[in-house]
């Protein structure tokens, strides 16, 4: 009996020891320290953000008029304008979706269709909301400064608001120049932000969403430095169209005079860069279209088009001898054909979705000729089937 009691007590002791041991093992493991590469990236990101923030604060301290180009009399009116702009952005975002769904009857991209493999969506985190707020402030300043710039007449006060002074050159041609010049600057800068050194510091946050779907929220969810780059590209587009057309006109006039008289009179140097090449209303239209297309680029809708008002293949006809002759020429001839037929402006939401899915392609937004020139253009690819996904998983396992 005593032996039985002893064995029972020993068994109880062993069980309690095992329980204690299992309890110790159930503690969560100590998290591993980040690698040196991650630590360097975090330090570089903190250093970059702090430096830029200090510079911006220093600039605004010494140039407070930057925040109030219209000289609004009080802070309440300034905040009221900010709220109005934000409400306008929300309304505009919903209006674009309404027009696409109800008026144009656009379908969703193949990756979002019913029956397609599910795609991964990323919710907005704290950093996303901070970036959206900072970018909203930057947008407000941009809208204030752009409207003030237009109201003052632009460069050299030569931009007009009169409807009677609207021409083909300062409307349709100028609008095309703005879109082309913006893409010519934005695409290489976008490519630059994908360099391994810069990508984790600035552009990586925007690529958290592989399948953009929220329109403005996904478009504006980017690092403030990247957002400022986009604002500068928009300014560059406006200034290019305003200055380029009259300057080219004067060059052509000078060449004509030189051909007739044999003398070249350039006149005052400042006249070579005078403004007036774009109508003020054209700039407003460009800004609205640019905002709408930026929202669509981060939406699930399958929207794509070229420039019908400049030309299309259907307008010239498939049997056009000039176009057929250009097909037989080298790369230059094919490039001229795209320009003549309006194919240089080849907008597609699918192009930008491919950029989010495969980061190293499709850096342009509208024209895509930078990507065709650099070899980074990638046509849209639909969703992979279940069999293709399984084969991809098996190949990855074999590689391991």
Foldseek 3Di string as FASTA:
>chain_A
DVVVVVVVVVVVVVVVVVVVVVVVVPDDDDDDDDDPVVVVLVVVLVVVVVVVVVVVVVVCVVVVCLLPVVPDPDPVVSVVLLVVVVVVLVVLLVVLVCCVCPPVVFDFAQCPDPPFPDDDFDDQDPLLVVQLVVLSSVVSSLVNVLVVCVVCCHFVNQADQDPVPDDCQQAVVLLVQLQVQLLVQQLVVLLVCPPPVNVSNWAVQLLPGLQFAQQPSSLSRTHVVNSVSSSVSNVRSNLCQFFVVQLVVVVVVQVVCCVVPVDGDPDDPVSNRGGHRHHSVNSVVSVSVVSSLSRLLRHRTWDKDFDVVQAACVVCDPPNPQLVVLVPDPPVSVVVSCNNHRVQFIATSQQSSVCSNPVQANSGHTRCVVCVVVVRHDDGDHGDDPVVVVVVVVVVVVVD
